[in-house]
C-alpha cells in the first residue's frame, strides 16, 4: 500500500464527519502529502512533528468533530502499519506498530491543542470586538450602542456586564443559559446570589478583586454546578471598561462553554495514554508513572508463551481477542493488589506495585498472576491456552533510569525461563 492508497482510506474514514472546507480531491491531495511523512516516521524517520502537523491541518480544514480523531487514530494504528511494513512477515512490524502507536498519541495531542487554539482565537476575536464596541459606546453613544447591542445579542459566546457593586447590569441569552438562568432574571442581582454558595470559587474571588479595583482583567477556566446536578465548564475572560478619565465604569465578561471540548480533551488524553486494543495503560504512560514513583516499588515483567503459535494457527483476529481476555484477567488481578498493569509491547506486559512491602508480596502477586493468566480461555468456541513467563524485581531505592528498572525485571524473567528449561518440574 502506497501513500496515495493510504490517503484514500483515510479520506474514506473521514467521510461524513463534518462539512470540510475542501472538496474530496483536495482532501486526498492534502492527506497524501501527510501520509508520505507518516509512513517515513513509522519506518523510523526523524520528523518529530509530522503527527501533530497532520492534526493541525485537519483542524484547519474544519475537521473538528471528535469522530475525526477516533477514525484517524484507527487509520494510523492499522492502515499506516500495513503501508509502512514490507508485507505481514516483515520482521520490523512490531517496531512499526509501536511507532504508529506513538504517532497516534501525538496526533491526538496535536488535535486537542489545535482545537483549543482555534477556540481561543475565536474567543479572543469576540472579546476584542465587544471591548471595542463597548469603549466606542462611551464616546459615540447613539451609533455605538446599536453596534454593541448587535454584537451583544447575536454573539455565539456568553457576554455579561457587572457594575462596581458586583451587580449584573445585563447579559445575553448565551451567558444566562450557561449559568442556568434567563436574561430577564439576572439584571439587578449580585453575582454571588446568581452563582449560589456552591459556585463561589476562584473565578468569583478574581471578580471580587476587580470590583475592589485590585486588578483590570483575568482569564480562567471554571466549573458551574447547576441545580439539576449538571456541570458546565466555562472559559471566562473578564475586563474592566474605563471612561475617558481612566475610571472603571463597569466590568465585561465573555464566556465560552468548553464542556464538550473538555470531555474531548479527557478522552483524547485517555486514548493517547492507553493501549487501543486492551484498554490498559500503554508504555509511555507507565514509563512516565515509573519516573515519578517513590520507592519502595516492585515490578513484574510478563511475556506470553505460545501466543505466536495462536496467531499463526488461528489468525490475528483470534490473537487480538486472546490479548483482550489476558488484559481483563490482568486488570482484575492487579486491582485487588492495588497495582497498575500496562501493555508495553505485542505480548509483553508490565505490572507496577507502588509502596511494595518486599519480595514476599511481589512473589505472591507473581504466583497469582501466573495462575490467573494460564487458566484456559474460550474464544469463538475454541478452548485455548497460553503460557506466561514472569520476572519480578523489588527496589527499595530507585535506579538512575526507568530502563534499568524494567531491565532488571526483564532479566529476572529470562532467568526463570532458563531455569524452567533446565528443570522442567519447576
Protein backbone atom coordinates (compact mmCIF):
# COMPACT_ATOMS: atom_id res chain seq x y z
CA UNK A 1 0.00 0.00 0.00
CA UNK A 2 1.41 3.38 -1.03
CA UNK A 3 0.85 6.85 0.37
CA UNK A 4 -1.92 7.58 -2.17
CA UNK A 5 -3.94 4.46 -1.28
CA UNK A 6 -3.41 5.19 2.43
CA UNK A 7 -4.66 8.76 1.84
CA UNK A 8 -7.78 7.44 0.10
CA UNK A 9 -8.53 5.11 3.03
CA UNK A 10 -8.04 7.99 5.42
CA UNK A 11 -10.37 10.18 3.36
CA UNK A 12 -12.95 7.36 3.33
CA UNK A 13 -12.70 7.12 7.12
CA UNK A 14 -13.28 10.86 7.49
CA UNK A 15 -16.17 10.94 5.03
CA UNK A 16 -19.33 12.28 6.62
CA UNK A 17 -17.69 13.54 9.83
CA UNK A 18 -18.22 17.23 9.01
CA UNK A 19 -18.56 19.53 6.02
CA UNK A 20 -14.87 20.35 5.40
CA UNK A 21 -13.64 23.46 3.63
CA UNK A 22 -12.03 21.29 0.90
CA UNK A 23 -13.53 19.06 -1.76
CA UNK A 24 -12.74 15.33 -1.96
CA UNK A 25 -9.88 15.76 -4.43
CA UNK A 26 -8.24 18.46 -2.31
CA UNK A 27 -8.68 16.36 0.83
CA UNK A 28 -6.95 13.37 -0.80
CA UNK A 29 -4.07 15.56 -2.01
CA UNK A 30 -3.62 17.02 1.49
CA UNK A 31 -3.75 13.59 3.15
CA UNK A 32 -1.40 12.06 0.55
CA UNK A 33 1.26 14.65 1.40
CA UNK A 34 0.81 13.88 5.10
CA UNK A 35 0.87 10.12 4.52
CA UNK A 36 4.32 10.33 2.92
CA UNK A 37 5.68 11.84 6.14
CA UNK A 38 3.72 9.45 8.39
CA UNK A 39 4.93 6.37 6.53
CA UNK A 40 8.50 7.63 6.80
CA UNK A 41 8.05 8.28 10.54
CA UNK A 42 6.59 4.78 11.07
CA UNK A 43 9.70 3.38 9.39
CA UNK A 44 11.93 5.31 11.78
CA UNK A 45 12.19 8.70 10.05
CA UNK A 46 13.16 11.78 12.01
CA UNK A 47 10.28 14.21 11.55
CA UNK A 48 9.07 14.53 15.18
CA UNK A 49 6.24 16.94 14.33
CA UNK A 50 4.56 15.07 11.46
CA UNK A 51 1.65 13.65 13.52
CA UNK A 52 0.91 16.94 15.29
CA UNK A 53 1.23 18.81 11.98
CA UNK A 54 -1.26 16.40 10.43
CA UNK A 55 -3.71 17.12 13.26
CA UNK A 56 -3.33 20.87 12.82
CA UNK A 57 -4.01 20.60 9.08
CA UNK A 58 -7.19 18.58 9.70
CA UNK A 59 -8.47 21.15 12.20
CA UNK A 60 -7.63 23.94 9.74
CA UNK A 61 -9.71 22.07 7.15
CA UNK A 62 -12.67 22.20 9.59
CA UNK A 63 -12.41 18.61 10.88
CA UNK A 64 -13.35 19.49 14.47
CA UNK A 65 -15.66 16.64 15.42
CA UNK A 66 -14.35 14.03 17.96
CA UNK A 67 -15.11 11.32 15.39
CA UNK A 68 -12.32 12.73 13.19
CA UNK A 69 -9.84 11.83 15.94
CA UNK A 70 -11.02 8.29 16.62
CA UNK A 71 -11.25 7.45 12.91
CA UNK A 72 -7.81 8.94 12.19
CA UNK A 73 -6.26 7.06 15.14
CA UNK A 74 -7.59 3.77 13.73
CA UNK A 75 -6.09 4.57 10.32
CA UNK A 76 -2.72 5.39 11.92
CA UNK A 77 -2.69 2.30 14.15
CA UNK A 78 -3.86 -0.14 11.45
CA UNK A 79 -3.59 1.04 7.82
CA UNK A 80 -0.38 3.00 8.40
CA UNK A 81 1.32 -0.12 9.78
CA UNK A 82 0.30 -2.04 6.66
CA UNK A 83 1.57 0.76 4.41
CA UNK A 84 4.91 1.10 6.24
CA UNK A 85 5.65 -2.62 6.54
CA UNK A 86 7.13 -4.74 3.76
CA UNK A 87 4.34 -7.30 3.95
CA UNK A 88 2.86 -9.12 7.00
CA UNK A 89 6.05 -11.15 7.53
CA UNK A 90 8.28 -8.09 7.74
CA UNK A 91 10.32 -8.56 10.96
CA UNK A 92 10.09 -4.82 11.56
CA UNK A 93 6.28 -4.96 12.03
CA UNK A 94 6.43 -4.80 15.90
CA UNK A 95 8.68 -1.73 15.77
CA UNK A 96 6.50 -0.11 13.10
CA UNK A 97 3.39 -0.81 15.20
CA UNK A 98 4.99 0.77 18.29
CA UNK A 99 5.96 3.86 16.28
CA UNK A 100 2.42 4.04 14.88
CA UNK A 101 1.00 4.00 18.42
CA UNK A 102 3.32 6.88 19.29
CA UNK A 103 2.23 8.75 16.16
CA UNK A 104 -1.42 8.20 17.11
CA UNK A 105 -0.75 9.61 20.58
CA UNK A 106 1.00 12.65 19.08
CA UNK A 107 -1.88 13.10 16.63
CA UNK A 108 -4.45 13.06 19.45
CA UNK A 109 -2.44 15.56 21.49
CA UNK A 110 -1.93 17.79 18.44
CA UNK A 111 -5.64 17.69 17.61
CA UNK A 112 -6.54 18.81 21.15
CA UNK A 113 -4.00 21.65 21.03
CA UNK A 114 -5.13 22.80 17.57
CA UNK A 115 -8.79 22.66 18.59
CA UNK A 116 -8.08 24.68 21.71
CA UNK A 117 -6.05 27.25 19.75
CA UNK A 118 -8.88 27.67 17.24
CA UNK A 119 -11.47 28.10 20.01
CA UNK A 120 -9.30 30.58 21.89
CA UNK A 121 -8.66 32.60 18.72
CA UNK A 122 -12.41 32.86 18.15
CA UNK A 123 -12.95 33.85 21.78
CA UNK A 124 -10.21 36.49 21.68
CA UNK A 125 -11.64 37.95 18.48
CA UNK A 126 -15.09 38.16 20.06
CA UNK A 127 -13.72 39.74 23.23
CA UNK A 128 -11.78 42.31 21.21
CA UNK A 129 -14.89 43.19 19.19
CA UNK A 130 -17.02 43.51 22.32
CA UNK A 131 -14.45 45.69 24.11
CA UNK A 132 -14.01 47.91 21.07
CA UNK A 133 -17.75 48.36 20.73
CA UNK A 134 -18.17 48.99 24.47
CA UNK A 135 -15.41 51.61 24.58
CA UNK A 136 -16.74 53.34 21.48
CA UNK A 137 -20.17 53.46 23.11
CA UNK A 138 -18.81 55.87 25.72
CA UNK A 139 -17.61 58.37 23.11
CA UNK A 140 -20.32 57.96 20.48
CA UNK A 141 -23.26 56.58 22.39
CA UNK A 142 -26.03 56.56 19.80
CA UNK A 143 -24.16 54.82 16.99
CA UNK A 144 -22.07 52.57 19.17
CA UNK A 145 -24.89 51.35 21.37
CA UNK A 146 -26.68 49.94 18.36
CA UNK A 147 -23.48 48.23 17.23
CA UNK A 148 -22.80 46.96 20.75
CA UNK A 149 -26.30 45.53 21.06
CA UNK A 150 -25.89 43.71 17.75
CA UNK A 151 -22.65 42.08 18.93
CA UNK A 152 -24.09 41.51 22.41
CA UNK A 153 -27.29 39.77 21.37
CA UNK A 154 -26.01 37.89 18.33
CA UNK A 155 -22.78 36.51 19.79
CA UNK A 156 -22.35 32.74 19.97
CA UNK A 157 -20.49 33.21 23.27
CA UNK A 158 -21.84 34.40 26.61
CA UNK A 159 -21.49 38.13 27.35
CA UNK A 160 -22.44 39.98 30.53
CA UNK A 161 -21.68 43.27 32.28
CA UNK A 162 -21.28 43.86 36.02
CA UNK A 163 -21.20 47.21 37.81
CA UNK A 164 -18.70 48.17 40.50
CA UNK A 165 -21.00 46.97 43.28
CA UNK A 166 -20.98 43.42 41.91
CA UNK A 167 -24.48 43.58 40.46
CA UNK A 168 -25.29 42.29 36.97
CA UNK A 169 -26.23 45.10 34.57
CA UNK A 170 -27.23 42.90 31.65
CA UNK A 171 -26.33 39.65 29.87
CA UNK A 172 -27.17 37.89 26.65
CA UNK A 173 -29.12 34.66 26.34
CA UNK A 174 -25.99 32.53 25.91
CA UNK A 175 -24.45 33.72 29.20
CA UNK A 176 -27.73 33.18 31.06
CA UNK A 177 -28.04 29.67 29.64
CA UNK A 178 -24.55 28.73 30.84
CA UNK A 179 -25.48 29.80 34.38
CA UNK A 180 -28.91 28.13 34.35
CA UNK A 181 -30.73 31.48 34.29
CA UNK A 182 -32.62 33.68 31.83
CA UNK A 183 -31.61 37.16 30.59
CA UNK A 184 -34.64 38.58 32.43
CA UNK A 185 -33.84 37.12 35.88
CA UNK A 186 -30.18 38.17 36.13
CA UNK A 187 -30.02 42.03 35.90
CA UNK A 188 -30.06 43.78 39.29
CA UNK A 189 -28.91 40.69 41.23
CA UNK A 190 -25.46 40.24 42.66
CA UNK A 191 -23.10 37.72 41.07
CA UNK A 192 -22.87 35.88 44.40
CA UNK A 193 -26.65 35.47 44.53
CA UNK A 194 -26.82 34.17 40.95
CA UNK A 195 -23.98 31.70 41.37
CA UNK A 196 -25.05 30.37 44.76
CA UNK A 197 -22.65 29.25 47.51
CA UNK A 198 -21.69 26.06 45.68
CA UNK A 199 -20.09 28.09 42.84
CA UNK A 200 -18.22 30.77 44.81
CA UNK A 201 -14.86 29.50 43.62
CA UNK A 202 -11.59 31.03 42.38
CA UNK A 203 -13.35 32.81 39.49
CA UNK A 204 -15.61 34.65 41.97
CA UNK A 205 -12.56 35.61 44.05
CA UNK A 206 -10.94 37.15 40.96
CA UNK A 207 -14.16 39.02 40.18
CA UNK A 208 -14.19 40.47 43.70
CA UNK A 209 -10.62 41.70 43.20
CA UNK A 210 -11.73 43.51 40.03
CA UNK A 211 -14.73 45.08 41.80
CA UNK A 212 -12.31 46.27 44.51
CA UNK A 213 -10.09 47.82 41.83
CA UNK A 214 -7.20 45.44 42.55
CA UNK A 215 -6.95 44.11 39.00
CA UNK A 216 -8.05 45.07 35.49
CA UNK A 217 -8.66 41.64 33.99
CA UNK A 218 -8.41 37.91 34.44
CA UNK A 219 -9.00 34.75 32.49
CA UNK A 220 -9.71 31.32 33.93
CA UNK A 221 -11.48 28.03 33.36
CA UNK A 222 -14.18 27.30 35.93
CA UNK A 223 -16.94 24.78 36.54
CA UNK A 224 -20.54 25.81 37.20
CA UNK A 225 -22.80 23.37 39.06
CA UNK A 226 -26.47 23.66 38.09
CA UNK A 227 -29.37 22.88 40.41
CA UNK A 228 -30.07 19.66 38.50
CA UNK A 229 -26.53 18.43 39.08
CA UNK A 230 -25.28 19.15 35.57
CA UNK A 231 -21.82 20.74 35.37
CA UNK A 232 -20.86 23.28 32.71
CA UNK A 233 -17.15 24.02 32.15
CA UNK A 234 -16.71 27.69 31.27
CA UNK A 235 -13.70 29.55 29.85
CA UNK A 236 -14.24 33.03 31.33
CA UNK A 237 -12.50 36.32 30.46
CA UNK A 238 -13.27 39.49 32.45
CA UNK A 239 -12.03 43.01 31.60
CA UNK A 240 -12.57 46.47 33.07
CA UNK A 241 -14.04 49.20 30.81
CA UNK A 242 -12.77 52.66 31.67
CA UNK A 243 -14.08 56.10 30.74
CA UNK A 244 -12.07 58.97 29.25
CA UNK A 245 -10.76 59.89 32.72
CA UNK A 246 -9.44 56.40 33.34
CA UNK A 247 -12.09 55.44 35.91
CA UNK A 248 -13.65 51.99 35.70
CA UNK A 249 -17.27 52.29 34.57
CA UNK A 250 -18.17 48.59 34.52
CA UNK A 251 -16.79 45.09 34.03
CA UNK A 252 -17.49 42.98 30.98
CA UNK A 253 -17.18 39.21 30.78
CA UNK A 254 -17.03 36.86 27.83
CA UNK A 255 -17.66 33.17 28.47
CA UNK A 256 -17.29 30.12 26.23
CA UNK A 257 -18.88 26.78 27.10
CA UNK A 258 -15.96 24.34 26.78
CA UNK A 259 -17.70 21.36 28.38
CA UNK A 260 -17.59 19.22 25.23
CA UNK A 261 -14.04 20.30 24.46
CA UNK A 262 -13.01 19.33 28.00
CA UNK A 263 -14.66 15.93 27.59
CA UNK A 264 -12.90 15.53 24.24
CA UNK A 265 -9.56 16.51 25.78
CA UNK A 266 -10.09 13.99 28.58
CA UNK A 267 -10.99 11.29 26.08
CA UNK A 268 -8.02 12.13 23.88
CA UNK A 269 -5.73 12.02 26.91
CA UNK A 270 -7.10 8.59 27.74
CA UNK A 271 -6.67 7.38 24.15
CA UNK A 272 -3.11 8.76 23.99
CA UNK A 273 -2.15 7.05 27.25
CA UNK A 274 -3.89 3.70 26.86
CA UNK A 275 -3.48 0.76 24.52
CA UNK A 276 -6.19 0.83 21.84
CA UNK A 277 -6.64 -2.96 21.79
CA UNK A 278 -6.74 -3.83 25.51
CA UNK A 279 -7.56 -0.53 27.19
CA UNK A 280 -4.60 -0.95 29.55
CA UNK A 281 -2.17 1.94 30.13
CA UNK A 282 0.44 1.98 27.36
CA UNK A 283 4.23 2.02 27.51
CA UNK A 284 4.76 5.84 27.52
CA UNK A 285 2.14 6.33 30.23
CA UNK A 286 3.53 3.65 32.53
CA UNK A 287 7.13 4.73 31.98
CA UNK A 288 6.11 8.28 32.87
CA UNK A 289 4.49 7.00 36.05
CA UNK A 290 7.58 4.92 36.88
CA UNK A 291 9.74 8.01 36.57
CA UNK A 292 7.62 9.80 39.20
CA UNK A 293 7.16 6.86 41.60
CA UNK A 294 8.83 6.94 45.01
CA UNK A 295 10.44 3.76 46.38
CA UNK A 296 9.90 1.12 47.51
CA UNK A 297 8.43 -0.34 44.34
CA UNK A 298 8.01 -3.75 42.78
CA UNK A 299 7.87 -4.55 39.08
CA UNK A 300 6.66 -7.70 37.31
CA UNK A 301 7.57 -8.23 33.65
CA UNK A 302 5.24 -10.65 31.82
CA UNK A 303 5.72 -12.31 28.44
CA UNK A 304 3.12 -14.65 26.93
CA UNK A 305 4.42 -18.04 25.78
CA UNK A 306 2.82 -19.67 22.76
CA UNK A 307 1.00 -16.55 21.64
CA UNK A 308 2.78 -16.50 18.25
CA UNK A 309 1.54 -20.01 17.58
CA UNK A 310 -2.06 -18.91 18.30
CA UNK A 311 -1.68 -16.07 15.81
CA UNK A 312 -0.15 -18.37 13.19
CA UNK A 313 -2.78 -21.09 13.65
CA UNK A 314 -5.96 -19.12 14.26
CA UNK A 315 -5.18 -15.68 12.83
CA UNK A 316 -4.70 -12.20 14.29
CA UNK A 317 -8.41 -11.67 14.99
CA UNK A 318 -8.39 -14.57 17.47
CA UNK A 319 -5.00 -13.39 18.73
CA UNK A 320 -6.39 -9.95 19.47
CA UNK A 321 -9.28 -11.47 21.42
CA UNK A 322 -6.83 -13.55 23.43
CA UNK A 323 -4.89 -10.39 24.31
CA UNK A 324 -8.08 -8.67 25.44
CA UNK A 325 -9.01 -11.62 27.68
CA UNK A 326 -5.49 -11.70 29.13
CA UNK A 327 -5.68 -7.95 29.74
CA UNK A 328 -9.05 -8.30 31.54
CA UNK A 329 -7.66 -11.02 33.80
CA UNK A 330 -4.53 -8.97 34.42
CA UNK A 331 -6.58 -5.88 35.24
CA UNK A 332 -8.82 -7.76 37.71
CA UNK A 333 -5.86 -9.40 39.44
CA UNK A 334 -3.78 -6.25 39.95
CA UNK A 335 -6.81 -4.22 41.06
CA UNK A 336 -7.05 -6.38 44.19
CA UNK A 337 -3.33 -5.80 44.79
CA UNK A 338 -3.62 -2.02 44.31
CA UNK A 339 -1.15 -2.21 41.43
CA UNK A 340 -1.04 -0.89 37.85
CA UNK A 341 -0.79 -3.08 34.75
CA UNK A 342 0.23 -1.89 31.27
CA UNK A 343 0.75 -3.37 27.83
CA UNK A 344 4.23 -2.36 26.67
CA UNK A 345 4.59 -4.46 23.53
CA UNK A 346 2.90 -7.09 21.37
CA UNK A 347 2.51 -9.78 24.04
CA UNK A 348 4.51 -8.08 26.79
CA UNK A 349 3.01 -6.57 29.93
CA UNK A 350 4.37 -4.77 32.97
CA UNK A 351 2.90 -4.52 36.48
CA UNK A 352 3.93 -1.73 38.85
CA UNK A 353 3.40 -2.20 42.59
CA UNK A 354 3.79 1.07 44.48
CA UNK A 355 4.62 1.04 48.22
CA UNK A 356 5.68 -2.58 47.79
CA UNK A 357 6.41 -4.30 51.12
CA UNK A 358 9.10 -6.57 49.70
CA UNK A 359 9.94 -9.70 47.75
CA UNK A 360 7.32 -11.76 49.59
CA UNK A 361 4.45 -9.53 48.42
CA UNK A 362 5.89 -9.39 44.91
CA UNK A 363 6.32 -13.17 44.75
CA UNK A 364 2.76 -13.78 45.90
CA UNK A 365 1.46 -11.41 43.22
CA UNK A 366 3.56 -13.14 40.55
CA UNK A 367 2.15 -16.53 41.59
CA UNK A 368 -1.41 -15.19 41.46
CA UNK A 369 -0.79 -13.67 38.01
CA UNK A 370 0.64 -16.97 36.78
CA UNK A 371 -2.43 -18.88 37.99
CA UNK A 372 -4.94 -16.44 36.51
CA UNK A 373 -3.27 -15.92 33.13
CA UNK A 374 -2.50 -19.58 32.38
CA UNK A 375 -6.08 -20.74 33.02
CA UNK A 376 -7.71 -21.99 29.77
CA UNK A 377 -9.71 -19.43 27.85
CA UNK A 378 -12.52 -19.79 25.33
CA UNK A 379 -12.58 -17.81 22.08
CA UNK A 380 -15.29 -18.42 19.47
CA UNK A 381 -15.89 -21.92 20.80
CA UNK A 382 -12.17 -22.79 20.84
CA UNK A 383 -10.51 -23.68 24.12
CA UNK A 384 -7.05 -22.10 24.03
CA UNK A 385 -4.22 -21.80 26.49
CA UNK A 386 -1.23 -19.52 26.72
CA UNK A 387 1.75 -19.77 28.97
CA UNK A 388 3.31 -16.85 30.73
CA UNK A 389 6.81 -16.06 31.92
CA UNK A 390 7.09 -13.61 34.80
CA UNK A 391 10.13 -11.83 36.17
CA UNK A 392 9.90 -9.77 39.36
CA UNK A 393 12.22 -7.15 40.76
CA UNK A 394 11.98 -5.21 44.04
CA UNK A 395 13.63 -1.82 44.63
CA UNK A 396 13.97 -0.05 47.97
CA UNK A 397 15.99 2.59 46.11
CA UNK A 398 15.16 3.74 42.61
CA UNK A 399 17.78 3.19 39.87
CA UNK A 400 19.05 6.17 37.93
CA UNK A 401 16.84 5.43 34.90
CA UNK A 402 13.49 3.74 34.27
CA UNK A 403 15.16 1.48 31.70
CA UNK A 404 17.35 -0.04 34.42
CA UNK A 405 14.29 -0.85 36.50
CA UNK A 406 12.49 -2.53 33.59
CA UNK A 407 15.65 -4.33 32.51
CA UNK A 408 16.04 -5.83 35.98
CA UNK A 409 12.52 -7.34 35.82
CA UNK A 410 13.12 -8.46 32.22
CA UNK A 411 16.37 -10.16 33.21
CA UNK A 412 14.61 -11.92 36.11
CA UNK A 413 12.02 -13.25 33.67
CA UNK A 414 14.66 -14.71 31.35
CA UNK A 415 16.47 -16.31 34.31
CA UNK A 416 13.24 -18.05 35.30
CA UNK A 417 12.73 -19.21 31.70
CA UNK A 418 16.26 -20.62 31.60
CA UNK A 419 15.84 -22.37 34.95
CA UNK A 420 12.49 -23.81 33.79
CA UNK A 421 14.16 -25.30 30.69
CA UNK A 422 16.89 -26.87 32.82
CA UNK A 423 14.39 -28.16 35.38
CA UNK A 424 11.03 -28.92 33.66
CA UNK A 425 9.48 -29.76 37.04
CA UNK A 426 9.67 -26.09 38.10
